[in-house]
Amino acid sequence: VLTEVPEMFGAERILMSHCRDEATFEKTVTMVNDFKQYFIAHNQPIYENPSPGNKAGGITTLEEKSLGCTQKAGASQVVDVLRYGERLSTPGLNLLSAPGNDAVATSALAGAGCHMVLFS
C-alpha cells in the first residue's frame, strides 16, 4: 500500500502508467487532483516540497523526492485506489488517499488493514 499522496506530486504519471485498467487510472487521477485542489483551496503551495530536512539530505527538487516515493512501488501494477478509511480488498499494489503527515498516514494504513508500516 502506497500512501502520502502529496509525496507523489511530480511523479504521479509513473504510477498512472502502471494502472491495471482505465477505472484504476481514473481513480488515481482523481485522488491526485483532489489533493492538489485541496492545497489550492487552502492557499497552500503545492510545490513547497522538499522539506528543509530533505534538502539537507541532498534532495533538491520535488520531482526527486517524488521519484523516491513512487520508486517504492517498484514495477508493480496499481490494482486499486482507496479513499481514507476504506479497507483493502484487492491483493497487489493499492494507492491510499492520505496526506504526507506521518501520524495521519499511519492511521490510514492501519484503518485500511495493513499489519505493518515501513518507513523508508
PDB file of N, CA and C in Angstrom:
ATOM      1  N   VAL A   1       0.858  -1.172   0.000  1.00  0.00           N
ATOM      2  CA  VAL A   1       0.000   0.000   0.000  1.00  0.00           C
ATOM      3  C   VAL A   1       0.900   1.229   0.000  1.00  0.00           C
ATOM      4  N   LEU A   2       0.692   2.100  -0.941  1.00  0.00           N
ATOM      5  CA  LEU A   2       1.469   3.330  -1.056  1.00  0.00           C
ATOM      6  C   LEU A   2       0.553   4.499  -0.738  1.00  0.00           C
ATOM      7  N   THR A   3       0.995   5.361   0.175  1.00  0.00           N
ATOM      8  CA  THR A   3       0.173   6.489   0.584  1.00  0.00           C
ATOM      9  C   THR A   3       1.020   7.755   0.634  1.00  0.00           C
ATOM     10  N   GLU A   4       0.528   8.772   1.320  1.00  0.00           N
ATOM     11  CA  GLU A   4       1.129  10.106   1.370  1.00  0.00           C
ATOM     12  C   GLU A   4       1.115  10.724  -0.028  1.00  0.00           C
ATOM     13  N   VAL A   5      -0.079  11.000  -0.509  1.00  0.00           N
ATOM     14  CA  VAL A   5      -0.302  11.470  -1.880  1.00  0.00           C
ATOM     15  C   VAL A   5       0.536  12.695  -2.246  1.00  0.00           C
ATOM     16  N   PRO A   6       0.651  13.728  -1.383  1.00  0.00           N
ATOM     17  CA  PRO A   6       1.467  14.877  -1.788  1.00  0.00           C
ATOM     18  C   PRO A   6       2.923  14.518  -2.093  1.00  0.00           C
ATOM     19  N   GLU A   7       3.403  13.416  -1.547  1.00  0.00           N
ATOM     20  CA  GLU A   7       4.765  12.964  -1.842  1.00  0.00           C
ATOM     21  C   GLU A   7       4.873  12.462  -3.286  1.00  0.00           C
ATOM     22  N   MET A   8       3.742  12.212  -3.918  1.00  0.00           N
ATOM     23  CA  MET A   8       3.724  11.696  -5.288  1.00  0.00           C
ATOM     24  C   MET A   8       3.737  12.813  -6.325  1.00  0.00           C
ATOM     25  N   PHE A   9       3.406  14.059  -5.911  1.00  0.00           N
ATOM     26  CA  PHE A   9       3.332  15.174  -6.853  1.00  0.00           C
ATOM     27  C   PHE A   9       4.649  15.312  -7.607  1.00  0.00           C
ATOM     28  N   GLY A  10       4.561  15.344  -8.912  1.00  0.00           N
ATOM     29  CA  GLY A  10       5.745  15.478  -9.742  1.00  0.00           C
ATOM     30  C   GLY A  10       6.147  14.177 -10.411  1.00  0.00           C
ATOM     31  N   ALA A  11       5.675  13.057  -9.864  1.00  0.00           N
ATOM     32  CA  ALA A  11       5.984  11.751 -10.464  1.00  0.00           C
ATOM     33  C   ALA A  11       4.735  10.885 -10.553  1.00  0.00           C
ATOM     34  N   GLU A  12       3.572  11.507 -10.382  1.00  0.00           N
ATOM     35  CA  GLU A  12       2.322  10.748 -10.380  1.00  0.00           C
ATOM     36  C   GLU A  12       2.055  10.036 -11.700  1.00  0.00           C
ATOM     37  N   ARG A  13       2.583  10.564 -12.785  1.00  0.00           N
ATOM     38  CA  ARG A  13       2.347   9.923 -14.090  1.00  0.00           C
ATOM     39  C   ARG A  13       2.983   8.536 -14.169  1.00  0.00           C
ATOM     40  N   ILE A  14       4.042   8.328 -13.397  1.00  0.00           N
ATOM     41  CA  ILE A  14       4.653   6.991 -13.358  1.00  0.00           C
ATOM     42  C   ILE A  14       3.649   6.000 -12.786  1.00  0.00           C
ATOM     43  N   LEU A  15       3.024   6.369 -11.669  1.00  0.00           N
ATOM     44  CA  LEU A  15       2.017   5.483 -11.073  1.00  0.00           C
ATOM     45  C   LEU A  15       0.829   5.304 -12.009  1.00  0.00           C
ATOM     46  N   MET A  16       0.425   6.387 -12.662  1.00  0.00           N
ATOM     47  CA  MET A  16      -0.710   6.302 -13.586  1.00  0.00           C
ATOM     48  C   MET A  16      -0.417   5.337 -14.733  1.00  0.00           C
ATOM     49  N   SER A  17       0.827   5.305 -15.175  1.00  0.00           N
ATOM     50  CA  SER A  17       1.182   4.403 -16.280  1.00  0.00           C
ATOM     51  C   SER A  17       1.194   2.940 -15.841  1.00  0.00           C
ATOM     52  N   HIS A  18       1.151   2.697 -14.543  1.00  0.00           N
ATOM     53  CA  HIS A  18       1.159   1.325 -14.019  1.00  0.00           C
ATOM     54  C   HIS A  18      -0.238   0.839 -13.635  1.00  0.00           C
ATOM     55  N   CYS A  19      -1.249   1.646 -13.873  1.00  0.00           N
ATOM     56  CA  CYS A  19      -2.617   1.245 -13.509  1.00  0.00           C
ATOM     57  C   CYS A  19      -3.083   0.081 -14.377  1.00  0.00           C
ATOM     58  N   ARG A  20      -3.774  -0.857 -13.744  1.00  0.00           N
ATOM     59  CA  ARG A  20      -4.161  -2.084 -14.459  1.00  0.00           C
ATOM     60  C   ARG A  20      -5.267  -1.873 -15.479  1.00  0.00           C
ATOM     61  N   ASP A  21      -6.084  -0.834 -15.285  1.00  0.00           N
ATOM     62  CA  ASP A  21      -7.178  -0.593 -16.225  1.00  0.00           C
ATOM     63  C   ASP A  21      -7.594   0.878 -16.167  1.00  0.00           C
ATOM     64  N   GLU A  22      -8.511   1.240 -17.045  1.00  0.00           N
ATOM     65  CA  GLU A  22      -8.967   2.629 -17.155  1.00  0.00           C
ATOM     66  C   GLU A  22      -9.620   3.114 -15.864  1.00  0.00           C
ATOM     67  N   ALA A  23     -10.392   2.268 -15.207  1.00  0.00           N
ATOM     68  CA  ALA A  23     -11.069   2.670 -13.965  1.00  0.00           C
ATOM     69  C   ALA A  23     -10.055   2.997 -12.871  1.00  0.00           C
ATOM     70  N   THR A  24      -9.013   2.192 -12.749  1.00  0.00           N
ATOM     71  CA  THR A  24      -7.974   2.439 -11.746  1.00  0.00           C
ATOM     72  C   THR A  24      -7.192   3.698 -12.102  1.00  0.00           C
ATOM     73  N   PHE A  25      -6.939   3.895 -13.384  1.00  0.00           N
ATOM     74  CA  PHE A  25      -6.275   5.112 -13.852  1.00  0.00           C
ATOM     75  C   PHE A  25      -7.092   6.337 -13.458  1.00  0.00           C
ATOM     76  N   GLU A  26      -8.383   6.313 -13.723  1.00  0.00           N
ATOM     77  CA  GLU A  26      -9.249   7.458 -13.397  1.00  0.00           C
ATOM     78  C   GLU A  26      -9.286   7.721 -11.896  1.00  0.00           C
ATOM     79  N   LYS A  27      -9.318   6.669 -11.088  1.00  0.00           N
ATOM     80  CA  LYS A  27      -9.307   6.837  -9.631  1.00  0.00           C
ATOM     81  C   LYS A  27      -7.983   7.451  -9.166  1.00  0.00           C
ATOM     82  N   THR A  28      -6.891   7.081  -9.814  1.00  0.00           N
ATOM     83  CA  THR A  28      -5.582   7.640  -9.470  1.00  0.00           C
ATOM     84  C   THR A  28      -5.530   9.122  -9.812  1.00  0.00           C
ATOM     85  N   VAL A  29      -5.981   9.475 -11.008  1.00  0.00           N
ATOM     86  CA  VAL A  29      -6.009  10.878 -11.429  1.00  0.00           C
ATOM     87  C   VAL A  29      -6.868  11.694 -10.466  1.00  0.00           C
ATOM     88  N   THR A  30      -8.031  11.185 -10.126  1.00  0.00           N
ATOM     89  CA  THR A  30      -8.934  11.892  -9.213  1.00  0.00           C
ATOM     90  C   THR A  30      -8.294  12.081  -7.842  1.00  0.00           C
ATOM     91  N   MET A  31      -7.661  11.039  -7.313  1.00  0.00           N
ATOM     92  CA  MET A  31      -7.025  11.132  -6.000  1.00  0.00           C
ATOM     93  C   MET A  31      -5.959  12.231  -5.986  1.00  0.00           C
ATOM     94  N   VAL A  32      -5.088  12.240  -6.978  1.00  0.00           N
ATOM     95  CA  VAL A  32      -4.013  13.236  -7.033  1.00  0.00           C
ATOM     96  C   VAL A  32      -4.591  14.632  -7.221  1.00  0.00           C
ATOM     97  N   ASN A  33      -5.516  14.784  -8.155  1.00  0.00           N
ATOM     98  CA  ASN A  33      -6.102  16.102  -8.411  1.00  0.00           C
ATOM     99  C   ASN A  33      -6.899  16.623  -7.228  1.00  0.00           C
ATOM    100  N   ASP A  34      -7.580  15.747  -6.494  1.00  0.00           N
ATOM    101  CA  ASP A  34      -8.312  16.175  -5.298  1.00  0.00           C
ATOM    102  C   ASP A  34      -7.358  16.768  -4.265  1.00  0.00           C
ATOM    103  N   PHE A  35      -6.199  16.150  -4.093  1.00  0.00           N
ATOM    104  CA  PHE A  35      -5.223  16.693  -3.145  1.00  0.00           C
ATOM    105  C   PHE A  35      -4.692  18.035  -3.621  1.00  0.00           C
ATOM    106  N   LYS A  36      -4.416  18.152  -4.903  1.00  0.00           N
ATOM    107  CA  LYS A  36      -3.929  19.431  -5.431  1.00  0.00           C
ATOM    108  C   LYS A  36      -4.981  20.520  -5.248  1.00  0.00           C
ATOM    109  N   GLN A  37      -6.243  20.193  -5.498  1.00  0.00           N
ATOM    110  CA  GLN A  37      -7.320  21.168  -5.314  1.00  0.00           C
ATOM    111  C   GLN A  37      -7.466  21.567  -3.849  1.00  0.00           C
ATOM    112  N   TYR A  38      -7.265  20.632  -2.943  1.00  0.00           N
ATOM    113  CA  TYR A  38      -7.314  20.931  -1.512  1.00  0.00           C
ATOM    114  C   TYR A  38      -6.229  21.952  -1.159  1.00  0.00           C
ATOM    115  N   PHE A  39      -5.021  21.734  -1.665  1.00  0.00           N
ATOM    116  CA  PHE A  39      -3.931  22.670  -1.409  1.00  0.00           C
ATOM    117  C   PHE A  39      -4.283  24.054  -1.950  1.00  0.00           C
ATOM    118  N   ILE A  40      -4.796  24.117  -3.172  1.00  0.00           N
ATOM    119  CA  ILE A  40      -5.160  25.388  -3.796  1.00  0.00           C
ATOM    120  C   ILE A  40      -6.259  26.080  -2.996  1.00  0.00           C
ATOM    121  N   ALA A  41      -7.292  25.343  -2.607  1.00  0.00           N
ATOM    122  CA  ALA A  41      -8.423  25.918  -1.870  1.00  0.00           C
ATOM    123  C   ALA A  41      -8.007  26.491  -0.519  1.00  0.00           C
ATOM    124  N   HIS A  42      -6.926  25.964   0.044  1.00  0.00           N
ATOM    125  CA  HIS A  42      -6.461  26.430   1.353  1.00  0.00           C
ATOM    126  C   HIS A  42      -5.187  27.278   1.249  1.00  0.00           C
ATOM    127  N   ASN A  43      -4.956  27.799   0.042  1.00  0.00           N
ATOM    128  CA  ASN A  43      -3.814  28.688  -0.212  1.00  0.00           C
ATOM    129  C   ASN A  43      -2.487  28.102   0.255  1.00  0.00           C
ATOM    130  N   GLN A  44      -2.321  26.816   0.028  1.00  0.00           N
ATOM    131  CA  GLN A  44      -1.081  26.130   0.380  1.00  0.00           C
ATOM    132  C   GLN A  44      -0.280  25.881  -0.896  1.00  0.00           C
ATOM    133  N   PRO A  45       1.015  26.156  -0.858  1.00  0.00           N
ATOM    134  CA  PRO A  45       1.828  25.905  -2.054  1.00  0.00           C
ATOM    135  C   PRO A  45       1.965  24.404  -2.313  1.00  0.00           C
ATOM    136  N   ILE A  46       1.601  24.002  -3.501  1.00  0.00           N
ATOM    137  CA  ILE A  46       1.676  22.587  -3.869  1.00  0.00           C
ATOM    138  C   ILE A  46       3.124  22.133  -3.954  1.00  0.00           C
ATOM    139  N   TYR A  47       3.956  22.993  -4.446  1.00  0.00           N
ATOM    140  CA  TYR A  47       5.332  22.577  -4.718  1.00  0.00           C
ATOM    141  C   TYR A  47       6.332  23.123  -3.703  1.00  0.00           C
ATOM    142  N   GLU A  48       5.898  23.344  -2.454  1.00  0.00           N
ATOM    143  CA  GLU A  48       6.834  23.764  -1.408  1.00  0.00           C
ATOM    144  C   GLU A  48       7.364  22.528  -0.692  1.00  0.00           C
ATOM    145  N   ASN A  49       7.838  21.661  -1.442  1.00  0.00           N
ATOM    146  CA  ASN A  49       8.420  20.417  -1.011  1.00  0.00           C
ATOM    147  C   ASN A  49       9.647  20.279  -1.891  1.00  0.00           C
ATOM    148  N   PRO A  50      10.728  19.794  -1.561  1.00  0.00           N
ATOM    149  CA  PRO A  50      11.039  19.038  -0.363  1.00  0.00           C
ATOM    150  C   PRO A  50      11.226  19.925   0.864  1.00  0.00           C
ATOM    151  N   SER A  51      11.182  19.290   2.006  1.00  0.00           N
ATOM    152  CA  SER A  51      11.327  19.987   3.283  1.00  0.00           C
ATOM    153  C   SER A  51      12.795  20.357   3.519  1.00  0.00           C
ATOM    154  N   PRO A  52      13.048  21.232   4.485  1.00  0.00           N
ATOM    155  CA  PRO A  52      14.444  21.552   4.805  1.00  0.00           C
ATOM    156  C   PRO A  52      15.275  20.310   5.140  1.00  0.00           C
ATOM    157  N   GLY A  53      14.676  19.344   5.824  1.00  0.00           N
ATOM    158  CA  GLY A  53      15.392  18.106   6.144  1.00  0.00           C
ATOM    159  C   GLY A  53      15.746  17.311   4.901  1.00  0.00           C
ATOM    160  N   ASN A  54      14.812  17.285   3.922  1.00  0.00           N
ATOM    161  CA  ASN A  54      15.099  16.606   2.656  1.00  0.00           C
ATOM    162  C   ASN A  54      16.262  17.286   1.940  1.00  0.00           C
ATOM    163  N   LYS A  55      16.231  18.626   1.937  1.00  0.00           N
ATOM    164  CA  LYS A  55      17.295  19.377   1.263  1.00  0.00           C
ATOM    165  C   LYS A  55      18.640  19.135   1.933  1.00  0.00           C
ATOM    166  N   ALA A  56      18.639  19.048   3.253  1.00  0.00           N
ATOM    167  CA  ALA A  56      19.882  18.763   3.982  1.00  0.00           C
ATOM    168  C   ALA A  56      20.421  17.383   3.609  1.00  0.00           C
ATOM    169  N   GLY A  57      19.514  16.477   3.242  1.00  0.00           N
ATOM    170  CA  GLY A  57      19.912  15.131   2.837  1.00  0.00           C
ATOM    171  C   GLY A  57      20.297  15.013   1.375  1.00  0.00           C
ATOM    172  N   GLY A  58      20.208  16.120   0.626  1.00  0.00           N
ATOM    173  CA  GLY A  58      20.659  16.114  -0.760  1.00  0.00           C
ATOM    174  C   GLY A  58      19.565  16.172  -1.809  1.00  0.00           C
ATOM    175  N   ILE A  59      18.293  16.111  -1.391  1.00  0.00           N
ATOM    176  CA  ILE A  59      17.195  16.212  -2.359  1.00  0.00           C
ATOM    177  C   ILE A  59      16.999  17.686  -2.686  1.00  0.00           C
ATOM    178  N   THR A  60      16.959  18.016  -3.970  1.00  0.00           N
ATOM    179  CA  THR A  60      16.887  19.425  -4.356  1.00  0.00           C
ATOM    180  C   THR A  60      15.556  19.840  -4.978  1.00  0.00           C
ATOM    181  N   THR A  61      14.779  18.884  -5.490  1.00  0.00           N
ATOM    182  CA  THR A  61      13.518  19.240  -6.147  1.00  0.00           C
ATOM    183  C   THR A  61      12.394  18.315  -5.693  1.00  0.00           C
ATOM    184  N   LEU A  62      11.174  18.779  -5.897  1.00  0.00           N
ATOM    185  CA  LEU A  62      10.008  17.953  -5.605  1.00  0.00           C
ATOM    186  C   LEU A  62      10.029  16.684  -6.448  1.00  0.00           C
ATOM    187  N   GLU A  63      10.453  16.816  -7.691  1.00  0.00           N
ATOM    188  CA  GLU A  63      10.474  15.661  -8.580  1.00  0.00           C
ATOM    189  C   GLU A  63      11.405  14.575  -8.060  1.00  0.00           C
ATOM    190  N   GLU A  64      12.572  14.970  -7.529  1.00  0.00           N
ATOM    191  CA  GLU A  64      13.491  13.978  -6.953  1.00  0.00           C
ATOM    192  C   GLU A  64      12.838  13.258  -5.777  1.00  0.00           C
ATOM    193  N   LYS A  65      12.186  14.025  -4.924  1.00  0.00           N
ATOM    194  CA  LYS A  65      11.517  13.428  -3.768  1.00  0.00           C
ATOM    195  C   LYS A  65      10.391  12.508  -4.236  1.00  0.00           C
ATOM    196  N   SER A  66       9.627  12.944  -5.211  1.00  0.00           N
ATOM    197  CA  SER A  66       8.505  12.160  -5.722  1.00  0.00           C
ATOM    198  C   SER A  66       8.971  10.873  -6.387  1.00  0.00           C
ATOM    199  N   LEU A  67      10.078  10.934  -7.085  1.00  0.00           N
ATOM    200  CA  LEU A  67      10.623   9.721  -7.699  1.00  0.00           C
ATOM    201  C   LEU A  67      10.995   8.702  -6.635  1.00  0.00           C
ATOM    202  N   GLY A  68      11.502   9.176  -5.503  1.00  0.00           N
ATOM    203  CA  GLY A  68      11.798   8.274  -4.392  1.00  0.00           C
ATOM    204  C   GLY A  68      10.545   7.630  -3.853  1.00  0.00           C
ATOM    205  N   CYS A  69       9.478   8.407  -3.755  1.00  0.00           N
ATOM    206  CA  CYS A  69       8.196   7.874  -3.279  1.00  0.00           C
ATOM    207  C   CYS A  69       7.658   6.826  -4.241  1.00  0.00           C
ATOM    208  N   THR A  70       7.585   7.158  -5.510  1.00  0.00           N
ATOM    209  CA  THR A  70       6.996   6.230  -6.476  1.00  0.00           C
ATOM    210  C   THR A  70       7.884   5.017  -6.714  1.00  0.00           C
ATOM    211  N   GLN A  71       9.188   5.163  -6.507  1.00  0.00           N
ATOM    212  CA  GLN A  71      10.109   4.037  -6.675  1.00  0.00           C
ATOM    213  C   GLN A  71       9.805   2.926  -5.672  1.00  0.00           C
ATOM    214  N   LYS A  72       9.227   3.280  -4.538  1.00  0.00           N
ATOM    215  CA  LYS A  72       8.866   2.277  -3.527  1.00  0.00           C
ATOM    216  C   LYS A  72       7.843   1.282  -4.066  1.00  0.00           C
ATOM    217  N   ALA A  73       7.100   1.687  -5.094  1.00  0.00           N
ATOM    218  CA  ALA A  73       6.106   0.798  -5.704  1.00  0.00           C
ATOM    219  C   ALA A  73       6.755  -0.201  -6.655  1.00  0.00           C
ATOM    220  N   GLY A  74       8.002   0.039  -7.023  1.00  0.00           N
ATOM    221  CA  GLY A  74       8.676  -0.837  -7.968  1.00  0.00           C
ATOM    222  C   GLY A  74       7.970  -0.812  -9.316  1.00  0.00           C
ATOM    223  N   ALA A  75       7.920  -1.952  -9.958  1.00  0.00           N
ATOM    224  CA  ALA A  75       7.259  -2.070 -11.260  1.00  0.00           C
ATOM    225  C   ALA A  75       5.868  -2.679 -11.112  1.00  0.00           C
ATOM    226  N   SER A  76       5.375  -2.731  -9.886  1.00  0.00           N
ATOM    227  CA  SER A  76       4.073  -3.353  -9.628  1.00  0.00           C
ATOM    228  C   SER A  76       2.942  -2.609 -10.316  1.00  0.00           C
ATOM    229  N   GLN A  77       1.948  -3.353 -10.685  1.00  0.00           N
ATOM    230  CA  GLN A  77       0.740  -2.797 -11.280  1.00  0.00           C
ATOM    231  C   GLN A  77      -0.141  -2.231 -10.168  1.00  0.00           C
ATOM    232  N   VAL A  78      -0.671  -1.025 -10.373  1.00  0.00           N
ATOM    233  CA  VAL A  78      -1.617  -0.441  -9.418  1.00  0.00           C
ATOM    234  C   VAL A  78      -2.965  -1.118  -9.643  1.00  0.00           C
ATOM    235  N   VAL A  79      -3.458  -1.807  -8.604  1.00  0.00           N
ATOM    236  CA  VAL A  79      -4.690  -2.586  -8.756  1.00  0.00           C
ATOM    237  C   VAL A  79      -5.921  -1.886  -8.196  1.00  0.00           C
ATOM    238  N   ASP A  80      -5.717  -0.919  -7.275  1.00  0.00           N
ATOM    239  CA  ASP A  80      -6.874  -0.216  -6.719  1.00  0.00           C
ATOM    240  C   ASP A  80      -6.417   1.075  -6.055  1.00  0.00           C
ATOM    241  N   VAL A  81      -7.365   1.980  -5.876  1.00  0.00           N
ATOM    242  CA  VAL A  81      -7.146   3.250  -5.188  1.00  0.00           C
ATOM    243  C   VAL A  81      -8.203   3.343  -4.098  1.00  0.00           C
ATOM    244  N   LEU A  82      -7.737   3.528  -2.865  1.00  0.00           N
ATOM    245  CA  LEU A  82      -8.641   3.560  -1.715  1.00  0.00           C
ATOM    246  C   LEU A  82      -8.766   4.967  -1.159  1.00  0.00           C
ATOM    247  N   ARG A  83      -9.961   5.304  -0.725  1.00  0.00           N
ATOM    248  CA  ARG A  83     -10.185   6.557  -0.015  1.00  0.00           C
ATOM    249  C   ARG A  83      -9.804   6.344   1.442  1.00  0.00           C
ATOM    250  N   TYR A  84      -9.542   7.411   2.144  1.00  0.00           N
ATOM    251  CA  TYR A  84      -9.203   7.335   3.567  1.00  0.00           C
ATOM    252  C   TYR A  84     -10.327   6.597   4.297  1.00  0.00           C
ATOM    253  N   GLY A  85      -9.976   5.583   5.057  1.00  0.00           N
ATOM    254  CA  GLY A  85     -10.959   4.814   5.821  1.00  0.00           C
ATOM    255  C   GLY A  85     -11.443   3.553   5.137  1.00  0.00           C
ATOM    256  N   GLU A  86     -11.150   3.391   3.842  1.00  0.00           N
ATOM    257  CA  GLU A  86     -11.549   2.167   3.136  1.00  0.00           C
ATOM    258  C   GLU A  86     -10.604   1.028   3.477  1.00  0.00           C
ATOM    259  N   ARG A  87     -11.132  -0.191   3.488  1.00  0.00           N
ATOM    260  CA  ARG A  87     -10.337  -1.389   3.764  1.00  0.00           C
ATOM    261  C   ARG A  87      -9.837  -1.998   2.457  1.00  0.00           C
ATOM    262  N   LEU A  88      -8.678  -2.600   2.546  1.00  0.00           N
ATOM    263  CA  LEU A  88      -8.110  -3.316   1.404  1.00  0.00           C
ATOM    264  C   LEU A  88      -9.007  -4.485   1.027  1.00  0.00           C
ATOM    265  N   SER A  89      -9.207  -4.667  -0.273  1.00  0.00           N
ATOM    266  CA  SER A  89      -9.992  -5.815  -0.733  1.00  0.00           C
ATOM    267  C   SER A  89      -9.350  -6.504  -1.934  1.00  0.00           C
ATOM    268  N   THR A  90      -8.355  -5.854  -2.529  1.00  0.00           N
ATOM    269  CA  THR A  90      -7.715  -6.386  -3.724  1.00  0.00           C
ATOM    270  C   THR A  90      -6.234  -6.621  -3.454  1.00  0.00           C
ATOM    271  N   PRO A  91      -5.748  -7.855  -3.634  1.00  0.00           N
ATOM    272  CA  PRO A  91      -4.311  -8.107  -3.454  1.00  0.00           C
ATOM    273  C   PRO A  91      -3.498  -7.341  -4.492  1.00  0.00           C
ATOM    274  N   GLY A  92      -2.331  -6.875  -4.101  1.00  0.00           N
ATOM    275  CA  GLY A  92      -1.461  -6.150  -5.011  1.00  0.00           C
ATOM    276  C   GLY A  92      -1.230  -4.735  -4.535  1.00  0.00           C
ATOM    277  N   LEU A  93      -0.658  -3.908  -5.405  1.00  0.00           N
ATOM    278  CA  LEU A  93      -0.338  -2.527  -5.055  1.00  0.00           C
ATOM    279  C   LEU A  93      -1.600  -1.679  -5.049  1.00  0.00           C
ATOM    280  N   ASN A  94      -1.939  -1.176  -3.886  1.00  0.00           N
ATOM    281  CA  ASN A  94      -3.064  -0.268  -3.709  1.00  0.00           C
ATOM    282  C   ASN A  94      -2.514   1.109  -3.376  1.00  0.00           C
ATOM    283  N   LEU A  95      -3.122   2.150  -3.918  1.00  0.00           N
ATOM    284  CA  LEU A  95      -2.808   3.517  -3.527  1.00  0.00           C
ATOM    285  C   LEU A  95      -3.856   3.939  -2.510  1.00  0.00           C
ATOM    286  N   LEU A  96      -3.425   4.608  -1.453  1.00  0.00           N
ATOM    287  CA  LEU A  96      -4.316   5.005  -0.371  1.00  0.00           C
ATOM    288  C   LEU A  96      -4.285   6.515  -0.226  1.00  0.00           C
ATOM    289  N   SER A  97      -5.433   7.139  -0.304  1.00  0.00           N
ATOM    290  CA  SER A  97      -5.542   8.584  -0.209  1.00  0.00           C
ATOM    291  C   SER A  97      -5.346   9.038   1.233  1.00  0.00           C
ATOM    292  N   ALA A  98      -4.188   9.624   1.498  1.00  0.00           N
ATOM    293  CA  ALA A  98      -3.873  10.181   2.809  1.00  0.00           C
ATOM    294  C   ALA A  98      -2.790  11.241   2.618  1.00  0.00           C
ATOM    295  N   PRO A  99      -2.717  12.202   3.541  1.00  0.00           N
ATOM    296  CA  PRO A  99      -1.740  13.282   3.402  1.00  0.00           C
ATOM    297  C   PRO A  99      -0.324  12.833   3.732  1.00  0.00           C
ATOM    298  N   GLY A 100       0.615  13.765   3.573  1.00  0.00           N
ATOM    299  CA  GLY A 100       2.009  13.488   3.854  1.00  0.00           C
ATOM    300  C   GLY A 100       2.374  13.672   5.314  1.00  0.00           C
ATOM    301  N   ASN A 101       1.433  13.498   6.190  1.00  0.00           N
ATOM    302  CA  ASN A 101       1.661  13.601   7.629  1.00  0.00           C
ATOM    303  C   ASN A 101       1.794  12.188   8.175  1.00  0.00           C
ATOM    304  N   ASP A 102       2.916  11.885   8.813  1.00  0.00           N
ATOM    305  CA  ASP A 102       3.184  10.509   9.238  1.00  0.00           C
ATOM    306  C   ASP A 102       2.100   9.943  10.149  1.00  0.00           C
ATOM    307  N   ALA A 103       1.639  10.726  11.122  1.00  0.00           N
ATOM    308  CA  ALA A 103       0.627  10.218  12.062  1.00  0.00           C
ATOM    309  C   ALA A 103      -0.689   9.912  11.350  1.00  0.00           C
ATOM    310  N   VAL A 104      -1.100  10.791  10.449  1.00  0.00           N
ATOM    311  CA  VAL A 104      -2.361  10.594   9.731  1.00  0.00           C
ATOM    312  C   VAL A 104      -2.226   9.458   8.723  1.00  0.00           C
ATOM    313  N   ALA A 105      -1.112   9.418   8.006  1.00  0.00           N
ATOM    314  CA  ALA A 105      -0.902   8.364   7.010  1.00  0.00           C
ATOM    315  C   ALA A 105      -0.818   6.994   7.673  1.00  0.00           C
ATOM    316  N   THR A 106      -0.153   6.920   8.821  1.00  0.00           N
ATOM    317  CA  THR A 106      -0.050   5.651   9.542  1.00  0.00           C
ATOM    318  C   THR A 106      -1.422   5.184  10.006  1.00  0.00           C
ATOM    319  N   SER A 107      -2.235   6.110  10.481  1.00  0.00           N
ATOM    320  CA  SER A 107      -3.603   5.764  10.885  1.00  0.00           C
ATOM    321  C   SER A 107      -4.410   5.265   9.694  1.00  0.00           C
ATOM    322  N   ALA A 108      -4.228   5.901   8.537  1.00  0.00           N
ATOM    323  CA  ALA A 108      -4.935   5.471   7.329  1.00  0.00           C
ATOM    324  C   ALA A 108      -4.520   4.056   6.935  1.00  0.00           C
ATOM    325  N   LEU A 109      -3.237   3.764   7.035  1.00  0.00           N
ATOM    326  CA  LEU A 109      -2.742   2.423   6.705  1.00  0.00           C
ATOM    327  C   LEU A 109      -3.322   1.376   7.651  1.00  0.00           C
ATOM    328  N   ALA A 110      -3.353   1.687   8.944  1.00  0.00           N
ATOM    329  CA  ALA A 110      -3.934   0.752   9.919  1.00  0.00           C
ATOM    330  C   ALA A 110      -5.418   0.557   9.643  1.00  0.00           C
ATOM    331  N   GLY A 111      -6.120   1.643   9.356  1.00  0.00           N
ATOM    332  CA  GLY A 111      -7.548   1.559   9.056  1.00  0.00           C
ATOM    333  C   GLY A 111      -7.841   0.753   7.806  1.00  0.00           C
ATOM    334  N   ALA A 112      -6.900   0.763   6.865  1.00  0.00           N
ATOM    335  CA  ALA A 112      -7.073   0.003   5.626  1.00  0.00           C
ATOM    336  C   ALA A 112      -6.828  -1.487   5.835  1.00  0.00           C
ATOM    337  N   GLY A 113      -6.243  -1.829   6.988  1.00  0.00           N
ATOM    338  CA  GLY A 113      -5.996  -3.236   7.284  1.00  0.00           C
ATOM    339  C   GLY A 113      -4.548  -3.665   7.184  1.00  0.00           C
ATOM    340  N   CYS A 114      -3.627  -2.714   7.059  1.00  0.00           N
ATOM    341  CA  CYS A 114      -2.205  -3.062   6.999  1.00  0.00           C
ATOM    342  C   CYS A 114      -1.743  -3.574   8.361  1.00  0.00           C
ATOM    343  N   HIS A 115      -0.916  -4.586   8.339  1.00  0.00           N
ATOM    344  CA  HIS A 115      -0.397  -5.175   9.572  1.00  0.00           C
ATOM    345  C   HIS A 115       0.971  -4.625   9.940  1.00  0.00           C
ATOM    346  N   MET A 116       1.636  -3.989   8.990  1.00  0.00           N
ATOM    347  CA  MET A 116       2.964  -3.446   9.232  1.00  0.00           C
ATOM    348  C   MET A 116       3.114  -2.159   8.433  1.00  0.00           C
ATOM    349  N   VAL A 117       3.767  -1.171   9.033  1.00  0.00           N
ATOM    350  CA  VAL A 117       4.068   0.079   8.349  1.00  0.00           C
ATOM    351  C   VAL A 117       5.579   0.215   8.319  1.00  0.00           C
ATOM    352  N   LEU A 118       6.133   0.409   7.127  1.00  0.00           N
ATOM    353  CA  LEU A 118       7.574   0.523   6.956  1.00  0.00           C
ATOM    354  C   LEU A 118       7.890   1.875   6.334  1.00  0.00           C
ATOM    355  N   PHE A 119       8.662   2.678   7.038  1.00  0.00           N
ATOM    356  CA  PHE A 119       9.113   3.958   6.503  1.00  0.00           C
ATOM    357  C   PHE A 119      10.493   3.755   5.906  1.00  0.00           C
ATOM    358  N   SER A 120      10.669   4.207   4.667  1.00  0.00           N
ATOM    359  CA  SER A 120      11.993   4.107   4.046  1.00  0.00           C
ATOM    360  C   SER A 120      12.274   5.346   3.229  1.00  0.00           C
TER     361      SER A 120
END
